[in-house]
Amino acid sequence: MISHKLERRYGQRHLHFITCSCYPRRPLLGTARKRDVFLRILNAARERYQFWPVGYVVMPEHVHLLISEPKVGTPSTVMQALKQRVAQCLRRKRRQRSNKNQMRLWTEAPAEAPRSFWQRRFYDFNLWSAKKRIEKLNYMHRNPVKRELVAEPGMWAWSGYRFHQYGEKSACTPDRKPK
């Protein structure tokens, strides 16, 4: 019999490559404003849970994060808080816009919002070598190019690529190495 129990390995001081998808792979992070909100909340989570984001990319329907283990809680704790806060903020803004649109166009029904913002689970892969860290950073930074959102990784504003290549700061500036 195959066990479907998810096993997470924490406390080993590894980096964690995390992938989290919107429900059900809808582009709920499909605008620049929404991706900016995600990055601001990620930065606040970084400060609260004391972890180091080594890399990230925010796509329209999913995110990839490469983070250290937090000093407060676990990567699961971080992801739960991050997902909840992003969903709360973006749903609140959607409701506010929806109410304004209803007042203007009271004959049209508002667009149906999905029940969930995020898929319930997230994928977490422990990285134990510099080779794997580089492989995952390259994978996540090439994601917008592969999806044909931009021609080059540096053109996608919602990733840590420009920091790693040029040292540029952003709404959530990555750390080169966890301290």
C-alpha atoms as a PDB file:
ATOM      1  CA  MET A   1       0.000   0.000   0.000  1.00  0.00           C
ATOM      2  CA  ILE A   2       1.306   3.453  -0.913  1.00  0.00           C
ATOM      3  CA  SER A   3       1.365   6.026   1.863  1.00  0.00           C
ATOM      4  CA  HIS A   4       0.211   9.502   0.869  1.00  0.00           C
ATOM      5  CA  LYS A   5       1.412  11.048   4.095  1.00  0.00           C
ATOM      6  CA  LEU A   6       3.486  14.128   3.395  1.00  0.00           C
ATOM      7  CA  GLU A   7       6.836  14.069   5.153  1.00  0.00           C
ATOM      8  CA  ARG A   8       8.560  17.367   5.822  1.00  0.00           C
ATOM      9  CA  ARG A   9      12.100  17.524   7.174  1.00  0.00           C
ATOM     10  CA  TYR A  10      12.793  20.454   9.437  1.00  0.00           C
ATOM     11  CA  GLY A  11      15.525  21.269  11.913  1.00  0.00           C
ATOM     12  CA  GLN A  12      18.396  20.215   9.644  1.00  0.00           C
ATOM     13  CA  ARG A  13      19.409  23.776   8.695  1.00  0.00           C
ATOM     14  CA  HIS A  14      18.710  23.099   5.010  1.00  0.00           C
ATOM     15  CA  LEU A  15      17.335  25.562   2.543  1.00  0.00           C
ATOM     16  CA  HIS A  16      13.756  24.835   1.442  1.00  0.00           C
ATOM     17  CA  PHE A  17      12.598  25.089  -2.164  1.00  0.00           C
ATOM     18  CA  ILE A  18       8.865  25.712  -1.850  1.00  0.00           C
ATOM     19  CA  THR A  19       6.238  25.797  -4.573  1.00  0.00           C
ATOM     20  CA  CYS A  20       2.739  26.993  -3.794  1.00  0.00           C
ATOM     21  CA  SER A  21      -0.121  27.272  -6.312  1.00  0.00           C
ATOM     22  CA  CYS A  22      -3.258  29.357  -6.453  1.00  0.00           C
ATOM     23  CA  TYR A  23      -6.540  27.452  -6.402  1.00  0.00           C
ATOM     24  CA  PRO A  24      -7.182  25.780  -8.882  1.00  0.00           C
ATOM     25  CA  ARG A  25      -4.123  27.107 -10.745  1.00  0.00           C
ATOM     26  CA  ARG A  26      -6.063  30.295 -11.550  1.00  0.00           C
ATOM     27  CA  PRO A  27      -4.012  33.477 -12.147  1.00  0.00           C
ATOM     28  CA  LEU A  28      -5.013  35.058  -8.841  1.00  0.00           C
ATOM     29  CA  LEU A  29      -1.617  36.835  -8.785  1.00  0.00           C
ATOM     30  CA  GLY A  30      -2.129  37.921 -12.383  1.00  0.00           C
ATOM     31  CA  THR A  31      -1.519  41.650 -11.972  1.00  0.00           C
ATOM     32  CA  ALA A  32       1.539  43.664 -11.000  1.00  0.00           C
ATOM     33  CA  ARG A  33      -0.335  45.099  -8.007  1.00  0.00           C
ATOM     34  CA  LYS A  34      -1.167  41.635  -6.654  1.00  0.00           C
ATOM     35  CA  ARG A  35       2.389  40.383  -7.097  1.00  0.00           C
ATOM     36  CA  ASP A  36       3.661  43.531  -5.327  1.00  0.00           C
ATOM     37  CA  VAL A  37       1.291  42.820  -2.416  1.00  0.00           C
ATOM     38  CA  PHE A  38       2.649  39.270  -2.228  1.00  0.00           C
ATOM     39  CA  LEU A  39       6.243  40.545  -2.036  1.00  0.00           C
ATOM     40  CA  ARG A  40       5.423  43.090   0.678  1.00  0.00           C
ATOM     41  CA  ILE A  41       3.762  40.362   2.751  1.00  0.00           C
ATOM     42  CA  LEU A  42       6.685  37.974   2.117  1.00  0.00           C
ATOM     43  CA  ASN A  43       9.057  40.652   3.408  1.00  0.00           C
ATOM     44  CA  ALA A  44       6.917  41.173   6.532  1.00  0.00           C
ATOM     45  CA  ALA A  45       6.864  37.385   7.112  1.00  0.00           C
ATOM     46  CA  ARG A  46      10.640  37.311   6.749  1.00  0.00           C
ATOM     47  CA  GLU A  47      10.969  39.813   9.580  1.00  0.00           C
ATOM     48  CA  ARG A  48       8.364  38.178  11.815  1.00  0.00           C
ATOM     49  CA  TYR A  49       9.591  34.579  11.425  1.00  0.00           C
ATOM     50  CA  GLN A  50      13.283  35.456  10.970  1.00  0.00           C
ATOM     51  CA  PHE A  51      14.109  33.496   7.826  1.00  0.00           C
ATOM     52  CA  TRP A  52      16.205  34.425   4.812  1.00  0.00           C
ATOM     53  CA  PRO A  53      14.674  34.402   1.349  1.00  0.00           C
ATOM     54  CA  VAL A  54      17.532  33.311  -0.897  1.00  0.00           C
ATOM     55  CA  GLY A  55      15.395  33.465  -4.040  1.00  0.00           C
ATOM     56  CA  TYR A  56      11.826  33.720  -5.264  1.00  0.00           C
ATOM     57  CA  VAL A  57       9.634  34.161  -8.287  1.00  0.00           C
ATOM     58  CA  VAL A  58       5.989  35.232  -8.172  1.00  0.00           C
ATOM     59  CA  MET A  59       4.075  33.962 -11.195  1.00  0.00           C
ATOM     60  CA  PRO A  60       0.412  34.675 -12.041  1.00  0.00           C
ATOM     61  CA  GLU A  61      -0.792  31.332 -10.636  1.00  0.00           C
ATOM     62  CA  HIS A  62       2.037  30.071  -8.407  1.00  0.00           C
ATOM     63  CA  VAL A  63       5.139  31.058  -6.467  1.00  0.00           C
ATOM     64  CA  HIS A  64       8.546  29.489  -5.926  1.00  0.00           C
ATOM     65  CA  LEU A  65      10.504  30.361  -2.797  1.00  0.00           C
ATOM     66  CA  LEU A  66      13.977  29.351  -1.684  1.00  0.00           C
ATOM     67  CA  ILE A  67      14.179  30.097   2.042  1.00  0.00           C
ATOM     68  CA  SER A  68      16.228  29.199   5.083  1.00  0.00           C
ATOM     69  CA  GLU A  69      14.620  27.570   8.080  1.00  0.00           C
ATOM     70  CA  PRO A  70      13.009  30.257  10.211  1.00  0.00           C
ATOM     71  CA  LYS A  71      14.173  30.978  13.746  1.00  0.00           C
ATOM     72  CA  VAL A  72      10.506  31.300  14.753  1.00  0.00           C
ATOM     73  CA  GLY A  73       8.323  28.351  13.763  1.00  0.00           C
ATOM     74  CA  THR A  74       8.889  26.120  10.732  1.00  0.00           C
ATOM     75  CA  PRO A  75       8.597  26.596   6.971  1.00  0.00           C
ATOM     76  CA  SER A  76       5.030  25.253   7.344  1.00  0.00           C
ATOM     77  CA  THR A  77       4.273  27.996   9.884  1.00  0.00           C
ATOM     78  CA  VAL A  78       5.694  30.601   7.496  1.00  0.00           C
ATOM     79  CA  MET A  79       3.679  29.267   4.554  1.00  0.00           C
ATOM     80  CA  GLN A  80       0.455  29.134   6.535  1.00  0.00           C
ATOM     81  CA  ALA A  81       0.841  32.744   7.683  1.00  0.00           C
ATOM     82  CA  LEU A  82       1.987  33.950   4.249  1.00  0.00           C
ATOM     83  CA  LYS A  83      -0.868  32.264   2.396  1.00  0.00           C
ATOM     84  CA  GLN A  84      -3.487  33.480   4.886  1.00  0.00           C
ATOM     85  CA  ARG A  85      -2.272  37.083   4.856  1.00  0.00           C
ATOM     86  CA  VAL A  86      -2.023  37.264   1.048  1.00  0.00           C
ATOM     87  CA  ALA A  87      -5.502  35.776   0.639  1.00  0.00           C
ATOM     88  CA  GLN A  88      -6.981  38.171   3.213  1.00  0.00           C
ATOM     89  CA  CYS A  89      -5.381  41.252   1.664  1.00  0.00           C
ATOM     90  CA  LEU A  90      -6.200  40.435  -1.938  1.00  0.00           C
ATOM     91  CA  ARG A  91      -9.747  39.279  -1.223  1.00  0.00           C
ATOM     92  CA  ARG A  92     -10.446  42.436   0.791  1.00  0.00           C
ATOM     93  CA  LYS A  93      -9.312  44.603  -2.124  1.00  0.00           C
ATOM     94  CA  ARG A  94     -11.402  42.509  -4.559  1.00  0.00           C
ATOM     95  CA  ARG A  95     -14.508  42.911  -2.372  1.00  0.00           C
ATOM     96  CA  GLN A  96     -13.949  46.660  -2.130  1.00  0.00           C
ATOM     97  CA  ARG A  97     -13.641  46.969  -5.931  1.00  0.00           C
ATOM     98  CA  SER A  98     -16.619  44.655  -6.445  1.00  0.00           C
ATOM     99  CA  ASN A  99     -18.791  46.797  -4.163  1.00  0.00           C
ATOM    100  CA  LYS A 100     -17.809  49.960  -6.065  1.00  0.00           C
ATOM    101  CA  ASN A 101     -18.579  48.277  -9.392  1.00  0.00           C
ATOM    102  CA  GLN A 102     -21.939  47.066  -8.104  1.00  0.00           C
ATOM    103  CA  MET A 103     -22.872  50.611  -7.182  1.00  0.00           C
ATOM    104  CA  ARG A 104     -22.006  51.772 -10.716  1.00  0.00           C
ATOM    105  CA  LEU A 105     -23.444  48.842 -12.613  1.00  0.00           C
ATOM    106  CA  TRP A 106     -26.066  47.439 -10.283  1.00  0.00           C
ATOM    107  CA  THR A 107     -27.646  45.353 -13.055  1.00  0.00           C
ATOM    108  CA  GLU A 108     -24.525  43.203 -13.591  1.00  0.00           C
ATOM    109  CA  ALA A 109     -23.705  40.332 -11.235  1.00  0.00           C
ATOM    110  CA  PRO A 110     -20.192  40.483  -9.718  1.00  0.00           C
ATOM    111  CA  ALA A 111     -17.652  37.917 -10.894  1.00  0.00           C
ATOM    112  CA  GLU A 112     -17.678  34.785  -8.749  1.00  0.00           C
ATOM    113  CA  ALA A 113     -14.590  34.562  -6.544  1.00  0.00           C
ATOM    114  CA  PRO A 114     -13.131  31.118  -5.893  1.00  0.00           C
ATOM    115  CA  ARG A 115     -13.735  29.726  -2.413  1.00  0.00           C
ATOM    116  CA  SER A 116     -10.041  29.209  -1.803  1.00  0.00           C
ATOM    117  CA  PHE A 117      -7.205  31.455  -2.855  1.00  0.00           C
ATOM    118  CA  TRP A 118      -4.448  28.824  -2.493  1.00  0.00           C
ATOM    119  CA  GLN A 119      -4.167  25.085  -2.979  1.00  0.00           C
ATOM    120  CA  ARG A 120      -4.237  23.460   0.452  1.00  0.00           C
ATOM    121  CA  ARG A 121      -0.707  22.077   0.398  1.00  0.00           C
ATOM    122  CA  PHE A 122       2.645  23.220  -0.857  1.00  0.00           C
ATOM    123  CA  TYR A 123       5.653  21.387  -2.254  1.00  0.00           C
ATOM    124  CA  ASP A 124       8.784  21.546  -0.085  1.00  0.00           C
ATOM    125  CA  PHE A 125      12.147  20.188  -1.224  1.00  0.00           C
ATOM    126  CA  ASN A 126      15.172  20.315   1.117  1.00  0.00           C
ATOM    127  CA  LEU A 127      18.398  21.556  -0.482  1.00  0.00           C
ATOM    128  CA  TRP A 128      21.591  20.316   1.064  1.00  0.00           C
ATOM    129  CA  SER A 129      24.211  21.344  -1.514  1.00  0.00           C
ATOM    130  CA  ALA A 130      25.378  24.472  -3.321  1.00  0.00           C
ATOM    131  CA  LYS A 131      24.820  22.655  -6.631  1.00  0.00           C
ATOM    132  CA  LYS A 132      21.111  22.111  -5.815  1.00  0.00           C
ATOM    133  CA  ARG A 133      20.760  25.728  -4.634  1.00  0.00           C
ATOM    134  CA  ILE A 134      22.071  27.017  -7.971  1.00  0.00           C
ATOM    135  CA  GLU A 135      19.898  24.541  -9.899  1.00  0.00           C
ATOM    136  CA  LYS A 136      16.727  25.684  -8.109  1.00  0.00           C
ATOM    137  CA  LEU A 137      17.596  29.397  -8.408  1.00  0.00           C
ATOM    138  CA  ASN A 138      18.129  28.966 -12.158  1.00  0.00           C
ATOM    139  CA  TYR A 139      14.898  26.989 -12.478  1.00  0.00           C
ATOM    140  CA  MET A 140      12.791  29.598 -10.693  1.00  0.00           C
ATOM    141  CA  HIS A 141      14.398  32.580 -12.443  1.00  0.00           C
ATOM    142  CA  ARG A 142      13.864  30.983 -15.884  1.00  0.00           C
ATOM    143  CA  ASN A 143      10.200  30.236 -15.124  1.00  0.00           C
ATOM    144  CA  PRO A 144       8.809  33.520 -16.553  1.00  0.00           C
ATOM    145  CA  VAL A 145      10.871  33.003 -19.742  1.00  0.00           C
ATOM    146  CA  LYS A 146       9.683  29.416 -20.119  1.00  0.00           C
ATOM    147  CA  ARG A 147       6.087  30.619 -19.746  1.00  0.00           C
ATOM    148  CA  GLU A 148       6.778  33.338 -22.368  1.00  0.00           C
ATOM    149  CA  LEU A 149       5.918  36.187 -20.008  1.00  0.00           C
ATOM    150  CA  VAL A 150       9.277  37.857 -20.737  1.00  0.00           C
ATOM    151  CA  ALA A 151      12.202  37.304 -23.105  1.00  0.00           C
ATOM    152  CA  GLU A 152      14.912  37.286 -20.389  1.00  0.00           C
ATOM    153  CA  PRO A 153      14.833  36.519 -16.635  1.00  0.00           C
ATOM    154  CA  GLY A 154      15.921  40.055 -15.716  1.00  0.00           C
ATOM    155  CA  MET A 155      12.791  41.492 -17.305  1.00  0.00           C
ATOM    156  CA  TRP A 156      10.452  39.849 -14.734  1.00  0.00           C
ATOM    157  CA  ALA A 157      10.184  42.272 -11.816  1.00  0.00           C
ATOM    158  CA  TRP A 158       8.782  39.715  -9.357  1.00  0.00           C
ATOM    159  CA  SER A 159      11.820  37.525  -8.881  1.00  0.00           C
ATOM    160  CA  GLY A 160      15.148  37.698  -7.100  1.00  0.00           C
ATOM    161  CA  TYR A 161      17.062  37.454 -10.382  1.00  0.00           C
ATOM    162  CA  ARG A 162      18.046  41.134 -10.611  1.00  0.00           C
ATOM    163  CA  PHE A 163      19.424  41.005  -7.062  1.00  0.00           C
ATOM    164  CA  HIS A 164      21.563  37.950  -7.811  1.00  0.00           C
ATOM    165  CA  GLN A 165      22.807  39.370 -11.137  1.00  0.00           C
ATOM    166  CA  TYR A 166      23.131  43.087 -10.381  1.00  0.00           C
ATOM    167  CA  GLY A 167      22.692  43.534  -6.614  1.00  0.00           C
ATOM    168  CA  GLU A 168      19.430  45.479  -7.069  1.00  0.00           C
ATOM    169  CA  LYS A 169      17.152  45.847  -4.078  1.00  0.00           C
ATOM    170  CA  SER A 170      13.400  45.192  -4.283  1.00  0.00           C
ATOM    171  CA  ALA A 171      10.262  44.928  -2.143  1.00  0.00           C
ATOM    172  CA  CYS A 172      11.733  41.694  -0.749  1.00  0.00           C
ATOM    173  CA  THR A 173      15.457  41.713  -1.394  1.00  0.00           C
ATOM    174  CA  PRO A 174      16.893  38.180  -1.165  1.00  0.00           C
ATOM    175  CA  ASP A 175      19.910  37.218   0.905  1.00  0.00           C
ATOM    176  CA  ARG A 176      22.908  35.667  -0.825  1.00  0.00           C
ATOM    177  CA  LYS A 177      23.551  33.200   1.988  1.00  0.00           C
ATOM    178  CA  PRO A 178      21.618  32.484   5.151  1.00  0.00           C
ATOM    179  CA  LYS A 179      23.416  33.908   8.173  1.00  0.00           C
END
